[in-house]
Amino acid sequence: MTDAAKLSLVTSIADLPAQSAGQPASKAESRARYFNSGNAFNVRLPAVPNAVFVDEPRRALDLATPTGLIACDASAAMQCSFPATTPFVLTRYARIRAGAQLQTDFVCSGAIFFVIQGHGQTEAGDETIHWRQGDLFMAPGDHAQRHIAIDDDAVLWVVTNEPQLAFENLRAPAPGNAPSGLVHYPAAEIDRQLETLYTVGSSDEIAGLALIFSSDQQAAGRNILPSLTAAMNSLPPGGQQRAHRHNSVAVSLVVDGDNCFSMIDGERKDWAPWATTITPPVSAHSHHNDGDRLAKFLIVQDGGLYYHARTMGFEFTDT
């Protein structure tokens, strides 16, 4: 069948396949493909799943698990060609046996680490930090890191923007070009800063009581990395965070919370210890603490992308 005959069978431009040059005069012209407002203007991709990862932390906390990384990979559900928890974020658990070392060299702008258990040290470039349970630190993506568990096994929660770089087939920053240096947020200082927030107080027009992590190099954007935001959100006993939505996706680690849950577009999602949860973009969601102690959950979002594009789209949905 000729091209003209095939074209006569198409009743809408939405049904046209990709078109090529009719008579390409060069290799560059032959690589061109042509779509239209019917088949490419509003591309529909699989949704970001409203998922909870519980097997991954269970494996990471298992005494029999060897030193290594365990990914929370939802790439199959999203039809991504690279490992991803959400389109621009990849989350992992890292287990390091006592006295052992774990080398990480992610293709990312930077890697965010939260210490679930244990204590040890991390070497990044010419700097070394010592960390303990409850600490948060960010390692720049221009150097590999060496993590060492001291005395006891250690478990870390690790978040990177590897999918963001993989999407455009980019490399990690060259040495000295990372958007931030090594940054350490000790658990005691996190608690002190949270206590300050509760002392000062908030209002219903502010989305909860959350401590936002940044650095001297990223303070202007108030993010931990140009594309990623990180926050320790909290809920007092019996409290709840107002229902709201935003265009960024949220990946959360349940740090502490008994009898807590989230509502995602009317669906209840119960929290589990050290679980990783995904809150899909644009979903109406709220968080609830029916327990008797302060609940904490660490949230990483690709919010920096939306802040820069002026498209965060935050709004309360309970009005």
C-alpha atoms as a PDB file:
ATOM      1  CA  MET A   1       0.000   0.000   0.000  1.00  0.00           C
ATOM      2  CA  THR A   2       1.375   3.414  -0.919  1.00  0.00           C
ATOM      3  CA  ASP A   3       1.866   6.190   1.597  1.00  0.00           C
ATOM      4  CA  ALA A   4      -0.944   8.108  -0.064  1.00  0.00           C
ATOM      5  CA  ALA A   5      -3.281   5.123   0.258  1.00  0.00           C
ATOM      6  CA  LYS A   6      -2.381   4.704   3.937  1.00  0.00           C
ATOM      7  CA  LEU A   7      -2.996   8.397   4.496  1.00  0.00           C
ATOM      8  CA  SER A   8      -6.439   8.149   2.930  1.00  0.00           C
ATOM      9  CA  LEU A   9      -7.467   5.670   5.640  1.00  0.00           C
ATOM     10  CA  VAL A  10      -6.605   8.057   8.470  1.00  0.00           C
ATOM     11  CA  THR A  11      -9.586  10.146   9.580  1.00  0.00           C
ATOM     12  CA  SER A  12      -7.868  12.244  12.273  1.00  0.00           C
ATOM     13  CA  ILE A  13      -4.393  13.696  12.694  1.00  0.00           C
ATOM     14  CA  ALA A  14      -4.452  12.088  16.157  1.00  0.00           C
ATOM     15  CA  ASP A  15      -4.121   8.703  14.420  1.00  0.00           C
ATOM     16  CA  LEU A  16      -1.116   9.639  12.319  1.00  0.00           C
ATOM     17  CA  PRO A  17       2.131   7.817  13.141  1.00  0.00           C
ATOM     18  CA  ALA A  18       5.392   9.716  13.355  1.00  0.00           C
ATOM     19  CA  GLN A  19       6.243  11.234   9.987  1.00  0.00           C
ATOM     20  CA  SER A  20       9.689  11.346   8.362  1.00  0.00           C
ATOM     21  CA  ALA A  21      11.216  13.556   5.705  1.00  0.00           C
ATOM     22  CA  GLY A  22       9.932  12.717   2.228  1.00  0.00           C
ATOM     23  CA  GLN A  23      13.292  13.080   0.511  1.00  0.00           C
ATOM     24  CA  PRO A  24      16.008  13.647   3.102  1.00  0.00           C
ATOM     25  CA  ALA A  25      19.127  15.255   1.648  1.00  0.00           C
ATOM     26  CA  SER A  26      21.356  14.484   4.624  1.00  0.00           C
ATOM     27  CA  LYS A  27      21.703  12.238   7.657  1.00  0.00           C
ATOM     28  CA  ALA A  28      20.596  15.151   9.793  1.00  0.00           C
ATOM     29  CA  GLU A  29      17.379  15.532   7.786  1.00  0.00           C
ATOM     30  CA  SER A  30      16.738  11.786   7.902  1.00  0.00           C
ATOM     31  CA  ARG A  31      16.753  11.878  11.713  1.00  0.00           C
ATOM     32  CA  ALA A  32      13.851  14.326  11.813  1.00  0.00           C
ATOM     33  CA  ARG A  33      10.439  13.107  12.972  1.00  0.00           C
ATOM     34  CA  TYR A  34       7.205  15.083  12.739  1.00  0.00           C
ATOM     35  CA  PHE A  35       4.204  14.897  15.082  1.00  0.00           C
ATOM     36  CA  ASN A  36       1.160  17.136  15.384  1.00  0.00           C
ATOM     37  CA  SER A  37      -1.247  18.719  17.841  1.00  0.00           C
ATOM     38  CA  GLY A  38      -3.409  15.586  17.793  1.00  0.00           C
ATOM     39  CA  ASN A  39      -0.841  12.869  18.519  1.00  0.00           C
ATOM     40  CA  ALA A  40       1.746  14.753  20.594  1.00  0.00           C
ATOM     41  CA  PHE A  41       0.238  17.880  22.152  1.00  0.00           C
ATOM     42  CA  ASN A  42      -1.143  16.212  25.301  1.00  0.00           C
ATOM     43  CA  VAL A  43       0.984  13.108  25.792  1.00  0.00           C
ATOM     44  CA  ARG A  44      -0.551  10.758  28.350  1.00  0.00           C
ATOM     45  CA  LEU A  45       1.825   8.658  30.422  1.00  0.00           C
ATOM     46  CA  PRO A  46       1.142   6.155  33.224  1.00  0.00           C
ATOM     47  CA  ALA A  47       0.319   7.926  36.476  1.00  0.00           C
ATOM     48  CA  VAL A  48       2.701   8.156  39.402  1.00  0.00           C
ATOM     49  CA  PRO A  49       1.506   5.341  41.687  1.00  0.00           C
ATOM     50  CA  ASN A  50      -0.015   6.038  45.079  1.00  0.00           C
ATOM     51  CA  ALA A  51       2.373   3.486  46.558  1.00  0.00           C
ATOM     52  CA  VAL A  52       3.804   2.402  49.905  1.00  0.00           C
ATOM     53  CA  PHE A  53       7.104   0.516  50.052  1.00  0.00           C
ATOM     54  CA  VAL A  54       7.212  -1.768  53.112  1.00  0.00           C
ATOM     55  CA  ASP A  55       9.193  -4.812  51.919  1.00  0.00           C
ATOM     56  CA  GLU A  56      12.252  -2.696  51.184  1.00  0.00           C
ATOM     57  CA  PRO A  57      12.662  -1.321  54.742  1.00  0.00           C
ATOM     58  CA  ARG A  58      11.904  -4.770  56.130  1.00  0.00           C
ATOM     59  CA  ARG A  59      14.790  -6.205  54.123  1.00  0.00           C
ATOM     60  CA  ALA A  60      17.071  -3.317  55.066  1.00  0.00           C
ATOM     61  CA  LEU A  61      16.392  -3.857  58.773  1.00  0.00           C
ATOM     62  CA  ASP A  62      16.795  -7.641  58.555  1.00  0.00           C
ATOM     63  CA  LEU A  63      19.943  -8.719  60.423  1.00  0.00           C
ATOM     64  CA  ALA A  64      20.709 -11.238  57.669  1.00  0.00           C
ATOM     65  CA  THR A  65      20.787  -8.649  54.878  1.00  0.00           C
ATOM     66  CA  PRO A  66      24.328  -8.003  53.604  1.00  0.00           C
ATOM     67  CA  THR A  67      25.882  -4.613  52.978  1.00  0.00           C
ATOM     68  CA  GLY A  68      24.268  -3.026  49.938  1.00  0.00           C
ATOM     69  CA  LEU A  69      21.480  -0.906  48.467  1.00  0.00           C
ATOM     70  CA  ILE A  70      17.772  -1.738  48.141  1.00  0.00           C
ATOM     71  CA  ALA A  71      15.857   0.426  45.673  1.00  0.00           C
ATOM     72  CA  CYS A  72      12.222   1.499  45.871  1.00  0.00           C
ATOM     73  CA  ASP A  73      11.724   1.110  42.142  1.00  0.00           C
ATOM     74  CA  ALA A  74       8.410   1.993  40.501  1.00  0.00           C
ATOM     75  CA  SER A  75       9.843   2.389  36.999  1.00  0.00           C
ATOM     76  CA  ALA A  76       7.785  -0.488  35.576  1.00  0.00           C
ATOM     77  CA  ALA A  77       4.516   1.097  36.707  1.00  0.00           C
ATOM     78  CA  MET A  78       5.534   4.431  35.190  1.00  0.00           C
ATOM     79  CA  GLN A  79       7.138   2.901  32.079  1.00  0.00           C
ATOM     80  CA  CYS A  80      10.450   4.598  32.801  1.00  0.00           C
ATOM     81  CA  SER A  81      13.538   3.159  31.130  1.00  0.00           C
ATOM     82  CA  PHE A  82      15.642   3.787  34.239  1.00  0.00           C
ATOM     83  CA  PRO A  83      15.176   3.000  37.962  1.00  0.00           C
ATOM     84  CA  ALA A  84      12.871   5.555  39.564  1.00  0.00           C
ATOM     85  CA  THR A  85      10.602   5.924  42.566  1.00  0.00           C
ATOM     86  CA  THR A  86       8.943   8.906  40.907  1.00  0.00           C
ATOM     87  CA  PRO A  87       9.787  10.430  37.519  1.00  0.00           C
ATOM     88  CA  PHE A  88      12.628  12.581  38.923  1.00  0.00           C
ATOM     89  CA  VAL A  89      13.470  10.889  42.255  1.00  0.00           C
ATOM     90  CA  LEU A  90      14.992   7.548  43.249  1.00  0.00           C
ATOM     91  CA  THR A  91      14.822   6.304  46.831  1.00  0.00           C
ATOM     92  CA  ARG A  92      16.870   3.496  48.350  1.00  0.00           C
ATOM     93  CA  TYR A  93      17.633   1.892  51.676  1.00  0.00           C
ATOM     94  CA  ALA A  94      21.260   1.169  52.458  1.00  0.00           C
ATOM     95  CA  ARG A  95      22.402  -1.463  54.930  1.00  0.00           C
ATOM     96  CA  ILE A  96      26.006  -1.409  56.120  1.00  0.00           C
ATOM     97  CA  ARG A  97      27.204  -4.268  58.274  1.00  0.00           C
ATOM     98  CA  ALA A  98      29.260  -3.395  61.346  1.00  0.00           C
ATOM     99  CA  GLY A  99      32.821  -2.581  60.335  1.00  0.00           C
ATOM    100  CA  ALA A 100      31.955  -2.767  56.650  1.00  0.00           C
ATOM    101  CA  GLN A 101      32.098  -0.070  53.985  1.00  0.00           C
ATOM    102  CA  LEU A 102      29.634   0.964  51.299  1.00  0.00           C
ATOM    103  CA  GLN A 103      30.797   2.963  48.303  1.00  0.00           C
ATOM    104  CA  THR A 104      28.210   5.143  46.547  1.00  0.00           C
ATOM    105  CA  ASP A 105      28.827   7.028  43.323  1.00  0.00           C
ATOM    106  CA  PHE A 106      25.416   8.062  42.031  1.00  0.00           C
ATOM    107  CA  VAL A 107      24.912  10.016  38.800  1.00  0.00           C
ATOM    108  CA  CYS A 108      23.089  12.866  40.516  1.00  0.00           C
ATOM    109  CA  SER A 109      23.401  16.464  41.651  1.00  0.00           C
ATOM    110  CA  GLY A 110      23.543  15.300  45.243  1.00  0.00           C
ATOM    111  CA  ALA A 111      22.397  12.490  47.533  1.00  0.00           C
ATOM    112  CA  ILE A 112      20.277  12.929  50.667  1.00  0.00           C
ATOM    113  CA  PHE A 113      20.888  10.460  53.519  1.00  0.00           C
ATOM    114  CA  PHE A 114      18.861   9.917  56.701  1.00  0.00           C
ATOM    115  CA  VAL A 115      20.235   7.635  59.431  1.00  0.00           C
ATOM    116  CA  ILE A 116      17.565   5.129  60.463  1.00  0.00           C
ATOM    117  CA  GLN A 117      19.832   3.208  62.796  1.00  0.00           C
ATOM    118  CA  GLY A 118      23.463   2.875  63.790  1.00  0.00           C
ATOM    119  CA  HIS A 119      26.345   5.293  63.679  1.00  0.00           C
ATOM    120  CA  GLY A 120      29.332   5.701  61.444  1.00  0.00           C
ATOM    121  CA  GLN A 121      31.109   8.063  59.125  1.00  0.00           C
ATOM    122  CA  THR A 122      30.964   9.237  55.529  1.00  0.00           C
ATOM    123  CA  GLU A 123      33.885  10.448  53.463  1.00  0.00           C
ATOM    124  CA  ALA A 124      33.091  12.745  50.523  1.00  0.00           C
ATOM    125  CA  GLY A 125      36.014  14.333  48.710  1.00  0.00           C
ATOM    126  CA  ASP A 126      38.366  15.723  51.342  1.00  0.00           C
ATOM    127  CA  GLU A 127      35.697  15.940  54.072  1.00  0.00           C
ATOM    128  CA  THR A 128      34.508  13.408  56.658  1.00  0.00           C
ATOM    129  CA  ILE A 129      31.431  13.584  58.858  1.00  0.00           C
ATOM    130  CA  HIS A 130      30.378  11.323  61.726  1.00  0.00           C
ATOM    131  CA  TRP A 131      26.683  10.515  61.915  1.00  0.00           C
ATOM    132  CA  ARG A 132      24.248   8.903  64.328  1.00  0.00           C
ATOM    133  CA  GLN A 133      20.611   7.787  64.347  1.00  0.00           C
ATOM    134  CA  GLY A 134      18.293  10.620  63.347  1.00  0.00           C
ATOM    135  CA  ASP A 135      20.934  12.621  61.497  1.00  0.00           C
ATOM    136  CA  LEU A 136      20.381  13.914  57.981  1.00  0.00           C
ATOM    137  CA  PHE A 137      23.176  14.766  55.560  1.00  0.00           C
ATOM    138  CA  MET A 138      23.539  15.718  51.914  1.00  0.00           C
ATOM    139  CA  ALA A 139      26.544  14.595  49.893  1.00  0.00           C
ATOM    140  CA  PRO A 140      27.402  16.442  46.665  1.00  0.00           C
ATOM    141  CA  GLY A 141      27.218  14.527  43.411  1.00  0.00           C
ATOM    142  CA  ASP A 142      30.674  15.552  42.186  1.00  0.00           C
ATOM    143  CA  HIS A 143      32.463  12.936  44.340  1.00  0.00           C
ATOM    144  CA  ALA A 144      31.910   9.323  45.321  1.00  0.00           C
ATOM    145  CA  GLN A 145      31.181   8.680  48.994  1.00  0.00           C
ATOM    146  CA  ARG A 146      32.502   6.006  51.334  1.00  0.00           C
ATOM    147  CA  HIS A 147      30.213   5.076  54.228  1.00  0.00           C
ATOM    148  CA  ILE A 148      31.509   3.091  57.204  1.00  0.00           C
ATOM    149  CA  ALA A 149      29.367   1.582  59.968  1.00  0.00           C
ATOM    150  CA  ILE A 150      31.024   1.650  63.386  1.00  0.00           C
ATOM    151  CA  ASP A 151      30.383  -0.983  66.089  1.00  0.00           C
ATOM    152  CA  ASP A 152      26.853  -1.915  64.919  1.00  0.00           C
ATOM    153  CA  ASP A 153      25.042  -2.362  61.630  1.00  0.00           C
ATOM    154  CA  ALA A 154      23.723   0.869  60.115  1.00  0.00           C
ATOM    155  CA  VAL A 155      20.673   1.520  57.937  1.00  0.00           C
ATOM    156  CA  LEU A 156      20.310   4.671  55.856  1.00  0.00           C
ATOM    157  CA  TRP A 157      17.508   6.105  53.711  1.00  0.00           C
ATOM    158  CA  VAL A 158      18.934   7.530  50.506  1.00  0.00           C
ATOM    159  CA  VAL A 159      17.276   9.876  47.984  1.00  0.00           C
ATOM    160  CA  THR A 160      18.770  11.189  44.731  1.00  0.00           C
ATOM    161  CA  ASN A 161      17.655  12.928  41.550  1.00  0.00           C
ATOM    162  CA  GLU A 162      19.248  10.255  39.344  1.00  0.00           C
ATOM    163  CA  PRO A 163      16.083   9.884  37.240  1.00  0.00           C
ATOM    164  CA  GLN A 164      16.173  13.607  36.489  1.00  0.00           C
ATOM    165  CA  LEU A 165      19.670  13.300  35.014  1.00  0.00           C
ATOM    166  CA  ALA A 166      18.879   9.977  33.334  1.00  0.00           C
ATOM    167  CA  PHE A 167      15.885  11.563  31.604  1.00  0.00           C
ATOM    168  CA  GLU A 168      18.227  13.859  29.676  1.00  0.00           C
ATOM    169  CA  ASN A 169      21.187  11.451  29.635  1.00  0.00           C
ATOM    170  CA  LEU A 170      23.289  13.843  31.705  1.00  0.00           C
ATOM    171  CA  ARG A 171      26.354  13.157  33.796  1.00  0.00           C
ATOM    172  CA  ALA A 172      27.037  14.002  37.419  1.00  0.00           C
ATOM    173  CA  PRO A 173      28.674  17.383  38.094  1.00  0.00           C
ATOM    174  CA  ALA A 174      32.396  17.638  37.480  1.00  0.00           C
ATOM    175  CA  PRO A 175      34.565  17.937  40.616  1.00  0.00           C
ATOM    176  CA  GLY A 176      34.002  21.343  42.150  1.00  0.00           C
ATOM    177  CA  ASN A 177      30.778  22.004  40.214  1.00  0.00           C
ATOM    178  CA  ALA A 178      28.190  20.420  42.526  1.00  0.00           C
ATOM    179  CA  PRO A 179      25.405  22.828  43.579  1.00  0.00           C
ATOM    180  CA  SER A 180      26.264  22.335  47.254  1.00  0.00           C
ATOM    181  CA  GLY A 181      29.033  20.995  49.401  1.00  0.00           C
ATOM    182  CA  LEU A 182      28.680  18.317  52.064  1.00  0.00           C
ATOM    183  CA  VAL A 183      25.988  19.394  54.560  1.00  0.00           C
ATOM    184  CA  HIS A 184      25.247  17.728  57.927  1.00  0.00           C
ATOM    185  CA  TYR A 185      22.061  18.195  59.988  1.00  0.00           C
ATOM    186  CA  PRO A 186      22.522  16.412  63.363  1.00  0.00           C
ATOM    187  CA  ALA A 187      19.462  14.903  65.051  1.00  0.00           C
ATOM    188  CA  ALA A 188      19.820  17.109  68.144  1.00  0.00           C
ATOM    189  CA  GLU A 189      19.827  20.246  65.999  1.00  0.00           C
ATOM    190  CA  ILE A 190      16.820  19.030  64.005  1.00  0.00           C
ATOM    191  CA  ASP A 191      14.913  18.537  67.264  1.00  0.00           C
ATOM    192  CA  ARG A 192      15.998  21.964  68.523  1.00  0.00           C
ATOM    193  CA  GLN A 193      14.826  23.645  65.343  1.00  0.00           C
ATOM    194  CA  LEU A 194      11.477  21.795  65.447  1.00  0.00           C
ATOM    195  CA  GLU A 195      10.988  22.853  69.068  1.00  0.00           C
ATOM    196  CA  THR A 196      11.480  26.457  67.995  1.00  0.00           C
ATOM    197  CA  LEU A 197       8.702  26.096  65.437  1.00  0.00           C
ATOM    198  CA  TYR A 198       6.300  24.800  68.098  1.00  0.00           C
ATOM    199  CA  THR A 199       7.329  27.548  70.511  1.00  0.00           C
ATOM    200  CA  VAL A 200       6.622  30.271  67.959  1.00  0.00           C
ATOM    201  CA  GLY A 201       3.478  28.630  66.609  1.00  0.00           C
ATOM    202  CA  SER A 202       1.759  28.616  63.240  1.00  0.00           C
ATOM    203  CA  SER A 203      -1.628  29.264  61.631  1.00  0.00           C
ATOM    204  CA  ASP A 204      -4.140  27.429  59.461  1.00  0.00           C
ATOM    205  CA  GLU A 205      -2.842  29.293  56.409  1.00  0.00           C
ATOM    206  CA  ILE A 206       0.575  27.618  56.754  1.00  0.00           C
ATOM    207  CA  ALA A 207       0.863  24.008  55.579  1.00  0.00           C
ATOM    208  CA  GLY A 208       1.770  22.302  58.824  1.00  0.00           C
ATOM    209  CA  LEU A 209       4.844  22.598  61.051  1.00  0.00           C
ATOM    210  CA  ALA A 210       7.733  21.425  58.894  1.00  0.00           C
ATOM    211  CA  LEU A 211      11.450  22.105  59.143  1.00  0.00           C
ATOM    212  CA  ILE A 212      12.922  22.833  55.689  1.00  0.00           C
ATOM    213  CA  PHE A 213      16.531  21.837  55.045  1.00  0.00           C
ATOM    214  CA  SER A 214      18.824  24.004  52.941  1.00  0.00           C
ATOM    215  CA  SER A 215      22.445  25.155  52.876  1.00  0.00           C
ATOM    216  CA  ASP A 216      24.563  28.265  52.489  1.00  0.00           C
ATOM    217  CA  GLN A 217      24.821  27.698  48.728  1.00  0.00           C
ATOM    218  CA  GLN A 218      21.111  26.954  48.260  1.00  0.00           C
ATOM    219  CA  ALA A 219      19.637  29.389  50.786  1.00  0.00           C
ATOM    220  CA  ALA A 220      18.307  31.749  48.092  1.00  0.00           C
ATOM    221  CA  GLY A 221      16.075  28.973  46.746  1.00  0.00           C
ATOM    222  CA  ARG A 222      15.413  27.525  50.224  1.00  0.00           C
ATOM    223  CA  ASN A 223      15.958  24.013  48.831  1.00  0.00           C
ATOM    224  CA  ILE A 224      18.448  21.299  49.681  1.00  0.00           C
ATOM    225  CA  LEU A 225      19.312  20.952  45.972  1.00  0.00           C
ATOM    226  CA  PRO A 226      18.174  23.108  43.036  1.00  0.00           C
ATOM    227  CA  SER A 227      15.495  20.582  42.049  1.00  0.00           C
ATOM    228  CA  LEU A 228      14.796  18.865  45.387  1.00  0.00           C
ATOM    229  CA  THR A 229      13.201  20.072  48.594  1.00  0.00           C
ATOM    230  CA  ALA A 230      13.601  18.227  51.895  1.00  0.00           C
ATOM    231  CA  ALA A 231      11.532  18.762  55.023  1.00  0.00           C
ATOM    232  CA  MET A 232      10.932  17.100  58.379  1.00  0.00           C
ATOM    233  CA  ASN A 233       7.181  17.389  58.704  1.00  0.00           C
ATOM    234  CA  SER A 234       5.514  16.885  62.071  1.00  0.00           C
ATOM    235  CA  LEU A 235       2.091  16.357  63.582  1.00  0.00           C
ATOM    236  CA  PRO A 236       1.263  16.681  67.294  1.00  0.00           C
ATOM    237  CA  PRO A 237      -0.875  13.979  68.944  1.00  0.00           C
ATOM    238  CA  GLY A 238      -4.414  14.248  67.673  1.00  0.00           C
ATOM    239  CA  GLY A 239      -3.369  16.715  64.998  1.00  0.00           C
ATOM    240  CA  GLN A 240      -3.832  16.784  61.281  1.00  0.00           C
ATOM    241  CA  GLN A 241      -2.433  18.683  58.329  1.00  0.00           C
ATOM    242  CA  ARG A 242      -5.006  20.469  56.200  1.00  0.00           C
ATOM    243  CA  ALA A 243      -5.941  18.864  52.895  1.00  0.00           C
ATOM    244  CA  HIS A 244      -4.012  20.435  50.052  1.00  0.00           C
ATOM    245  CA  ARG A 245      -2.481  19.713  46.662  1.00  0.00           C
ATOM    246  CA  HIS A 246       0.559  20.758  44.652  1.00  0.00           C
ATOM    247  CA  ASN A 247       2.159  19.852  41.362  1.00  0.00           C
ATOM    248  CA  SER A 248       5.299  18.350  42.865  1.00  0.00           C
ATOM    249  CA  VAL A 249       5.396  14.699  43.858  1.00  0.00           C
ATOM    250  CA  ALA A 250       6.296  13.798  47.460  1.00  0.00           C
ATOM    251  CA  VAL A 251       8.369  10.839  48.626  1.00  0.00           C
ATOM    252  CA  SER A 252       8.166  10.398  52.400  1.00  0.00           C
ATOM    253  CA  LEU A 253       9.908   8.327  55.047  1.00  0.00           C
ATOM    254  CA  VAL A 254       7.877   7.511  58.167  1.00  0.00           C
ATOM    255  CA  VAL A 255      10.324   8.460  60.929  1.00  0.00           C
ATOM    256  CA  ASP A 256       8.046   8.268  63.954  1.00  0.00           C
ATOM    257  CA  GLY A 257       4.320   7.855  64.267  1.00  0.00           C
ATOM    258  CA  ASP A 258       1.877   5.486  65.940  1.00  0.00           C
ATOM    259  CA  ASN A 259      -1.666   5.222  64.552  1.00  0.00           C
ATOM    260  CA  CYS A 260      -0.989   7.752  61.787  1.00  0.00           C
ATOM    261  CA  PHE A 261      -2.316   7.826  58.257  1.00  0.00           C
ATOM    262  CA  SER A 262      -2.743   9.949  55.157  1.00  0.00           C
ATOM    263  CA  MET A 263      -5.776  10.539  52.978  1.00  0.00           C
ATOM    264  CA  ILE A 264      -4.916  10.605  49.286  1.00  0.00           C
ATOM    265  CA  ASP A 265      -7.812  11.597  47.019  1.00  0.00           C
ATOM    266  CA  GLY A 266     -10.227  10.074  49.537  1.00  0.00           C
ATOM    267  CA  GLU A 267      -8.228   6.865  50.017  1.00  0.00           C
ATOM    268  CA  ARG A 268      -6.758   6.095  53.442  1.00  0.00           C
ATOM    269  CA  LYS A 269      -3.059   5.198  53.505  1.00  0.00           C
ATOM    270  CA  ASP A 270      -1.843   3.884  56.879  1.00  0.00           C
ATOM    271  CA  TRP A 271       1.727   4.553  57.910  1.00  0.00           C
ATOM    272  CA  ALA A 272       4.161   1.730  58.666  1.00  0.00           C
ATOM    273  CA  PRO A 273       7.476   2.078  60.531  1.00  0.00           C
ATOM    274  CA  TRP A 274      10.242   3.294  58.200  1.00  0.00           C
ATOM    275  CA  ALA A 275       8.033   2.851  55.120  1.00  0.00           C
ATOM    276  CA  THR A 276       8.551   4.958  52.018  1.00  0.00           C
ATOM    277  CA  THR A 277       5.352   6.445  50.604  1.00  0.00           C
ATOM    278  CA  ILE A 278       4.569   8.243  47.362  1.00  0.00           C
ATOM    279  CA  THR A 279       2.060  11.069  47.248  1.00  0.00           C
ATOM    280  CA  PRO A 280       1.232  11.551  43.542  1.00  0.00           C
ATOM    281  CA  PRO A 281       1.285  15.060  42.077  1.00  0.00           C
ATOM    282  CA  VAL A 282      -1.945  17.094  42.067  1.00  0.00           C
ATOM    283  CA  SER A 283      -3.603  14.629  44.478  1.00  0.00           C
ATOM    284  CA  ALA A 284      -5.644  16.130  47.314  1.00  0.00           C
ATOM    285  CA  HIS A 285      -4.017  14.842  50.496  1.00  0.00           C
ATOM    286  CA  SER A 286      -3.971  15.322  54.241  1.00  0.00           C
ATOM    287  CA  HIS A 287      -2.019  13.737  57.108  1.00  0.00           C
ATOM    288  CA  HIS A 288      -3.468  12.601  60.449  1.00  0.00           C
ATOM    289  CA  ASN A 289      -2.012  11.626  63.827  1.00  0.00           C
ATOM    290  CA  ASP A 290      -4.401   9.605  65.974  1.00  0.00           C
ATOM    291  CA  GLY A 291      -1.549   8.511  68.245  1.00  0.00           C
ATOM    292  CA  ASP A 292      -0.332   9.882  71.558  1.00  0.00           C
ATOM    293  CA  ARG A 293       3.112  11.179  70.556  1.00  0.00           C
ATOM    294  CA  LEU A 294       4.596  13.593  68.047  1.00  0.00           C
ATOM    295  CA  ALA A 295       4.674  12.137  64.541  1.00  0.00           C
ATOM    296  CA  LYS A 296       7.535  12.906  62.164  1.00  0.00           C
ATOM    297  CA  PHE A 297       7.974  12.117  58.508  1.00  0.00           C
ATOM    298  CA  LEU A 298      10.800  13.187  56.227  1.00  0.00           C
ATOM    299  CA  ILE A 299       9.569  14.453  52.868  1.00  0.00           C
ATOM    300  CA  VAL A 300      11.573  14.918  49.669  1.00  0.00           C
ATOM    301  CA  GLN A 301       9.868  16.584  46.708  1.00  0.00           C
ATOM    302  CA  ASP A 302      10.929  17.590  43.215  1.00  0.00           C
ATOM    303  CA  GLY A 303       9.574  20.983  44.240  1.00  0.00           C
ATOM    304  CA  GLY A 304      12.605  22.966  43.115  1.00  0.00           C
ATOM    305  CA  LEU A 305      11.663  22.283  39.499  1.00  0.00           C
ATOM    306  CA  TYR A 306       8.185  23.718  40.005  1.00  0.00           C
ATOM    307  CA  TYR A 307       9.326  26.695  42.064  1.00  0.00           C
ATOM    308  CA  HIS A 308      11.739  27.625  39.279  1.00  0.00           C
ATOM    309  CA  ALA A 309       9.050  27.183  36.628  1.00  0.00           C
ATOM    310  CA  ARG A 310       6.540  29.158  38.778  1.00  0.00           C
ATOM    311  CA  THR A 311       4.129  26.247  38.594  1.00  0.00           C
ATOM    312  CA  MET A 312       4.007  24.749  42.125  1.00  0.00           C
ATOM    313  CA  GLY A 313       0.231  25.189  42.162  1.00  0.00           C
ATOM    314  CA  PHE A 314      -0.167  24.847  45.947  1.00  0.00           C
ATOM    315  CA  GLU A 315      -3.699  25.222  47.247  1.00  0.00           C
ATOM    316  CA  PHE A 316      -5.784  24.043  50.176  1.00  0.00           C
ATOM    317  CA  THR A 317      -8.615  21.729  49.123  1.00  0.00           C
ATOM    318  CA  ASP A 318     -10.793  21.835  52.257  1.00  0.00           C
ATOM    319  CA  THR A 319     -12.326  25.247  51.564  1.00  0.00           C
END
